[in-house]
Protein backbone atom coordinates (compact mmCIF):
# COMPACT_ATOMS: atom_id res chain seq x y z
CA MET A 1 159.43 22.87 89.23
CA ASN A 2 159.18 25.01 92.34
CA ILE A 3 155.93 23.85 93.99
CA SER A 4 156.14 26.50 96.70
CA GLY A 5 156.57 29.28 94.14
CA TYR A 6 153.68 27.90 92.10
CA SER A 7 151.44 27.77 95.19
CA SER A 8 152.48 31.27 96.20
CA ASN A 9 151.56 32.65 92.77
CA ASN A 10 148.22 30.87 92.93
CA MET A 11 147.58 32.33 96.36
CA ILE A 12 148.40 35.85 95.16
CA GLY A 13 145.96 35.40 92.28
CA THR A 14 143.29 34.12 94.68
CA ILE A 15 143.83 37.00 97.10
CA THR A 16 143.63 39.56 94.25
CA SER A 17 140.42 37.98 92.99
CA GLN A 18 138.90 37.98 96.46
CA GLN A 19 139.92 41.61 97.01
CA ASN A 20 138.19 42.55 93.74
CA LYS A 21 135.04 40.71 94.80
CA LEU A 22 135.17 42.40 98.20
CA TYR A 23 135.53 45.81 96.54
CA GLU A 24 132.63 45.00 94.21
CA LEU A 25 130.42 44.07 97.17
CA PHE A 26 131.43 47.27 99.00
CA ASN A 27 130.56 49.27 95.89
CA LYS A 28 127.16 47.62 95.51
CA LEU A 29 126.34 48.26 99.14
CA ASN A 30 127.37 51.90 98.83
CA THR A 31 125.43 52.53 95.61
CA ASN A 32 122.58 50.09 96.32
CA GLN A 33 122.91 48.96 92.70
CA LYS A 34 122.92 45.27 91.92
CA TYR A 35 124.83 45.72 88.64
CA THR A 36 127.77 47.97 87.90
CA ASN A 37 127.49 47.32 84.16
CA ILE A 38 124.47 46.43 82.01
CA SER A 39 126.50 43.66 80.38
CA GLU A 40 126.24 41.73 83.65
CA ASN A 41 122.59 40.97 82.86
CA PRO A 42 121.27 42.25 79.49
CA ILE A 43 117.76 40.90 80.15
CA ASP A 44 117.41 42.82 83.41
CA ALA A 45 118.93 45.87 81.73
CA ALA A 46 116.25 45.77 79.02
CA ASP A 47 113.55 45.43 81.68
CA LEU A 48 114.96 48.45 83.52
CA VAL A 49 114.82 50.58 80.36
CA ARG A 50 111.17 49.57 79.87
CA ILE A 51 110.25 50.15 83.52
CA ASN A 52 111.96 53.57 83.64
CA LYS A 53 110.06 54.59 80.48
CA GLN A 54 106.76 53.50 82.02
CA LEU A 55 107.51 55.31 85.29
CA ALA A 56 108.32 58.51 83.37
CA GLU A 57 105.01 58.22 81.49
CA ILE A 58 103.12 57.65 84.75
CA GLU A 59 104.77 60.75 86.23
CA THR A 60 103.54 62.79 83.27
CA TYR A 61 100.05 61.27 83.44
CA SER A 62 99.83 61.96 87.19
CA LYS A 63 100.76 65.62 86.68
CA ASN A 64 98.18 65.90 83.90
CA VAL A 65 95.49 64.32 86.08
CA ASN A 66 96.20 66.71 88.95
CA ASN A 67 96.24 69.64 86.54
CA ALA A 68 92.93 68.54 84.99
CA ILE A 69 91.24 68.10 88.37
CA THR A 70 92.44 71.52 89.53
CA GLN A 71 91.23 73.22 86.34
CA ILE A 72 87.85 71.47 86.41
CA ASN A 73 87.40 72.42 90.06
CA ALA A 74 88.27 76.01 89.15
CA GLN A 75 85.57 75.97 86.47
CA ASP A 76 83.05 74.47 88.87
CA SER A 77 83.82 77.14 91.43
CA VAL A 78 83.01 79.77 88.80
CA PHE A 79 79.81 77.94 87.83
CA SER A 80 78.69 77.67 91.45
CA THR A 81 79.17 81.40 91.96
CA ILE A 82 77.30 82.18 88.74
CA VAL A 83 74.41 79.92 89.76
CA ASP A 84 74.22 81.76 93.10
CA LYS A 85 74.07 85.09 91.24
CA LEU A 86 71.39 83.74 88.87
CA GLN A 87 69.30 82.53 91.78
CA ARG A 88 69.42 86.04 93.18
CA ILE A 89 68.44 87.43 89.77
CA ASN A 90 65.55 84.97 89.72
CA ASP A 91 64.38 86.30 93.10
CA LEU A 92 64.64 89.87 91.83
CA ALA A 93 62.72 89.01 88.65
CA ILE A 94 59.93 87.38 90.62
CA GLN A 95 59.76 90.39 92.93
CA ALA A 96 59.73 92.82 90.00
CA ALA A 97 57.16 90.79 88.05
CA ASN A 98 54.81 90.87 91.00
CA GLY A 99 55.24 94.62 91.38
CA ALA A 100 54.85 94.38 95.12
CA SER A 101 57.19 97.31 95.87
CA GLY A 102 55.99 99.77 93.27
CA GLU A 103 58.20 101.88 91.02
CA SER A 104 60.88 102.45 93.64
CA GLY A 105 61.11 98.74 94.33
CA LEU A 106 61.31 97.97 90.61
CA GLU A 107 64.14 100.47 90.20
CA ALA A 108 66.02 98.93 93.13
CA CYS A 109 65.60 95.48 91.56
CA ARG A 110 66.87 96.80 88.21
CA THR A 111 69.93 98.42 89.78
CA GLU A 112 70.88 95.26 91.65
CA PHE A 113 70.20 93.14 88.57
CA GLU A 114 72.56 95.23 86.42
CA GLU A 115 75.35 94.82 88.96
CA LEU A 116 74.77 91.08 89.06
CA LYS A 117 74.86 90.92 85.24
CA LYS A 118 78.24 92.69 85.22
CA THR A 119 79.51 90.25 87.83
CA ILE A 120 78.37 87.25 85.77
CA VAL A 121 80.11 88.56 82.64
CA SER A 122 83.25 89.11 84.73
CA LEU A 123 83.02 85.54 86.04
CA ALA A 124 82.70 84.28 82.45
CA ASN A 125 86.08 85.95 81.89
CA SER A 126 87.69 83.98 84.74
CA GLN A 127 91.26 82.76 84.39
CA TYR A 128 93.18 79.75 85.62
CA ASP A 129 96.96 79.89 85.74
CA GLY A 130 96.91 83.09 83.68
CA LYS A 131 94.70 81.59 80.94
CA TYR A 132 91.04 82.34 80.21
CA ILE A 133 88.91 79.31 81.03
CA PHE A 134 86.02 79.93 78.65
CA SER A 135 87.79 81.20 75.53
CA GLY A 136 88.40 77.84 73.84
CA THR A 137 91.93 77.68 72.50
CA ASN A 138 92.26 81.48 72.54
CA VAL A 139 93.40 81.29 76.14
CA THR A 140 95.14 84.68 76.08
CA THR A 141 92.08 86.52 74.73
CA GLU A 142 89.40 87.77 77.13
CA PRO A 143 86.31 85.97 75.82
CA PHE A 144 83.42 88.29 76.72
CA THR A 145 82.83 92.02 76.50
CA LEU A 146 79.84 93.84 77.96
CA ASN A 147 79.32 96.81 75.66
CA ASP A 148 77.73 100.16 76.50
CA ASP A 149 74.52 99.30 74.62
CA GLY A 150 74.10 96.10 76.68
CA SER A 151 75.39 93.75 73.98
CA ILE A 152 77.62 90.88 75.16
CA THR A 153 80.10 89.76 72.50
CA TYR A 154 82.37 86.72 72.39
CA ALA A 155 86.00 86.78 71.15
CA GLY A 156 87.08 83.23 71.98
CA THR A 157 87.15 80.14 69.78
CA THR A 158 83.57 79.43 68.77
CA SER A 159 81.89 76.09 69.43
CA ASP A 160 81.27 75.54 65.69
CA ASN A 161 84.98 75.84 64.91
CA PHE A 162 85.78 72.59 63.11
CA ALA A 163 89.43 72.85 64.13
CA GLY A 164 88.25 72.24 67.70
CA TYR A 165 88.16 74.47 70.71
CA GLU A 166 89.37 72.19 73.49
CA ARG A 167 92.82 71.76 74.93
CA TYR A 168 93.62 68.14 75.72
CA LEU A 169 95.69 66.47 78.41
CA GLU A 170 96.61 62.78 78.20
CA VAL A 171 95.83 61.20 81.58
CA SER A 172 96.62 57.58 80.68
CA ASP A 173 97.73 55.71 77.59
CA GLY A 174 95.42 56.95 74.82
CA ASP A 175 92.94 58.54 77.25
CA TYR A 176 92.51 62.31 76.97
CA ILE A 177 90.62 64.93 79.00
CA ASP A 178 89.51 68.11 77.25
CA LEU A 179 89.96 71.42 79.04
CA ASN A 180 88.86 74.98 78.33
CA SER A 181 85.39 75.22 76.87
CA ALA A 182 84.01 77.50 74.18
CA GLY A 183 82.22 80.17 76.18
CA ASP A 184 79.55 80.82 73.55
CA SER A 185 78.24 77.26 74.01
CA ILE A 186 77.92 77.80 77.78
CA PHE A 187 76.84 81.42 78.15
CA GLY A 188 75.78 82.43 74.65
CA THR A 189 75.93 86.02 73.36
CA TYR A 190 73.62 89.01 73.08
CA ASP A 191 73.14 91.66 70.41
CA ALA A 192 71.05 94.53 71.73
CA ASN A 193 70.28 95.59 68.13
CA ASP A 194 69.18 92.13 67.04
CA PRO A 195 68.00 90.30 70.18
CA ASP A 196 65.79 87.79 68.37
CA ASN A 197 68.44 86.57 65.93
CA PRO A 198 69.70 83.20 67.26
CA ASP A 199 72.99 83.66 65.41
CA VAL A 200 73.95 86.64 67.57
CA SER A 201 71.69 86.32 70.62
CA SER A 202 71.45 83.04 72.50
CA GLY A 203 71.83 81.24 75.80
CA LEU A 204 72.16 82.78 79.23
CA PHE A 205 73.40 86.13 77.97
CA LYS A 206 70.33 86.52 75.74
CA VAL A 207 68.17 85.89 78.80
CA LEU A 208 70.09 88.52 80.77
CA GLY A 209 69.93 90.94 77.83
CA ASP A 210 66.19 90.49 77.40
CA LEU A 211 65.67 90.78 81.15
CA SER A 212 67.72 93.98 81.19
CA ALA A 213 65.53 95.44 78.41
CA ALA A 214 62.38 94.42 80.32
CA PHE A 215 63.67 96.08 83.49
CA GLU A 216 64.58 99.20 81.50
CA SER A 217 61.03 99.49 80.16
CA SER A 218 59.51 98.47 83.52
CA ASP A 219 57.53 95.81 81.63
CA GLN A 220 56.47 93.37 84.33
CA GLU A 221 55.01 90.90 81.83
CA LYS A 222 58.27 90.69 79.86
CA ILE A 223 60.18 90.26 83.12
CA ARG A 224 57.86 87.38 83.98
CA GLU A 225 58.45 85.82 80.54
CA GLN A 226 62.16 85.50 81.31
CA LEU A 227 61.67 83.39 84.44
CA THR A 228 61.46 80.07 82.57
CA PRO A 229 64.44 80.80 80.25
CA LEU A 230 66.38 81.89 83.33
CA GLN A 231 65.67 78.61 85.09
CA ASN A 232 66.62 76.73 81.92
CA SER A 233 69.97 78.55 81.90
CA ILE A 234 70.59 77.62 85.53
CA GLU A 235 69.75 74.00 84.70
CA HIS A 236 72.13 74.09 81.71
CA ILE A 237 75.05 75.15 83.91
CA SER A 238 74.08 72.59 86.56
CA GLU A 239 74.18 69.86 83.89
CA ILE A 240 77.70 70.92 82.93
CA GLN A 241 78.68 70.73 86.59
CA SER A 242 77.23 67.21 86.78
CA VAL A 243 79.39 66.14 83.83
CA HIS A 244 82.41 67.73 85.52
CA SER A 245 81.65 65.83 88.72
CA SER A 246 81.64 62.54 86.80
CA THR A 247 84.90 63.50 85.10
CA VAL A 248 86.58 64.27 88.43
CA THR A 249 85.40 60.90 89.78
CA LYS A 250 86.92 59.20 86.74
CA LEU A 251 90.16 61.15 87.20
CA ASN A 252 90.37 60.16 90.86
CA MET A 253 89.99 56.51 89.82
CA THR A 254 92.71 57.06 87.21
CA THR A 255 94.98 58.43 89.95
CA GLU A 256 94.45 55.28 92.02
CA ILE A 257 95.29 53.06 89.04
CA LEU A 258 98.40 55.11 88.23
CA ASP A 259 99.55 54.95 91.86
CA GLU A 260 99.06 51.19 92.00
CA THR A 261 100.91 50.70 88.71
CA LYS A 262 103.72 52.96 89.89
CA LEU A 263 104.03 50.96 93.11
CA THR A 264 104.20 47.68 91.18
CA LEU A 265 106.78 48.98 88.72
CA THR A 266 108.89 50.57 91.47
CA SER A 267 108.88 47.29 93.38
CA ARG A 268 109.89 45.39 90.25
CA LYS A 269 112.62 47.94 89.52
CA ALA A 270 114.02 47.52 93.02
CA GLU A 271 113.91 43.75 92.65
CA ILE A 272 115.89 43.95 89.42
CA SER A 273 118.36 46.73 90.15
CA GLU A 274 118.73 47.19 93.89
CA VAL A 275 120.89 45.17 96.22
CA ASP A 276 119.27 42.77 98.66
CA MET A 277 120.97 44.26 101.71
CA PRO A 278 120.82 41.25 104.11
CA THR A 279 122.12 38.92 101.39
CA ALA A 280 124.81 41.37 100.27
CA ILE A 281 126.01 41.95 103.85
CA SER A 282 126.17 38.18 104.40
CA GLU A 283 128.16 37.77 101.17
CA LEU A 284 130.46 40.59 102.21
CA MET A 285 131.21 38.95 105.54
CA GLN A 286 131.82 35.58 103.89
CA GLN A 287 134.06 37.18 101.30
CA ASN A 288 135.97 39.00 104.01
CA TYR A 289 136.46 35.75 105.95
CA ALA A 290 137.63 34.02 102.77
CA LEU A 291 140.10 36.84 102.08
CA GLN A 292 141.50 36.68 105.60
CA ALA A 293 141.84 32.89 105.34
CA SER A 294 143.67 33.20 102.01
CA MET A 295 146.03 35.85 103.42
CA GLN A 296 146.78 33.64 106.43
CA ALA A 297 147.44 30.70 104.13
CA TYR A 298 149.67 32.87 101.98
CA THR A 299 151.63 33.95 105.06
CA ILE A 300 152.17 30.31 106.06
CA ILE A 301 153.31 29.33 102.55
CA SER A 302 155.60 32.35 102.34
CA ASN A 303 157.24 31.48 105.69
CA GLN A 304 157.73 27.87 104.59
CA SER A 305 159.30 29.02 101.36
CA LEU A 306 161.69 31.25 103.29
CA LEU A 307 162.72 28.35 105.57
CA ASP A 308 163.32 26.17 102.50
CA TYR A 309 165.47 28.88 101.05
CA ILE A 310 167.50 29.22 104.26
């Protein structure tokens, strides 16, 4: 048996193996991936699938939370503007009810009131991202129309629709936020031909309709009668804003939880799948030294074998 030939073959095998390991380490450093094939560690591979799924869900939840907060803030901005307009209407109604400015003053109050009413109806038709906020699920349909006779009609999904009128966004596992309200439950409607029928005349728009009729007839007593319903309507909108404020607080807390969970999962993913750079560099250097040593040994053995042959 040729011992030198046997040793030489062993050395070639060792060098090839070390070169492969060196290449593998180079590849891991370049890609920052601990494994080149899931078969290297099936348990870690299964964990990675689970973690990636959770991270994808968190990404969706985070987008939904941000979208919900933005839409709620858009609604609140509309409500705040409407409340400001209603406060001005309240001032006008008090002024008109007192009759301090005479007929000319009453007419000026009526004119300003009518413009404010039109503005409020327009605000009730506000849109967010090209969709009507207060039309329920009929987001492409303008919800309110101010007709020539003073009636205010609603074309959105009604609040008594048993199929539901909200649009939902999932903000965490099994936790949903409803968006887009039924405008009739917030603002009501008004039928100038049947103002006392609660089925067709109700809420804020009934108050504005009745107040418009009182201004039209210059009836100071009827104007005064609308002051309490007007304040009740302002309070109703303020209560909705309070609920929205609580919802936004909850959503902000949800964002914090999602961010913390994402950070934990990302850290765990890195621990499982990414290369520990200091350790990998150290292994690379050791492997390189081992390869050089093997090649030197192979050179020595090869030279000895050549001398034996000579």
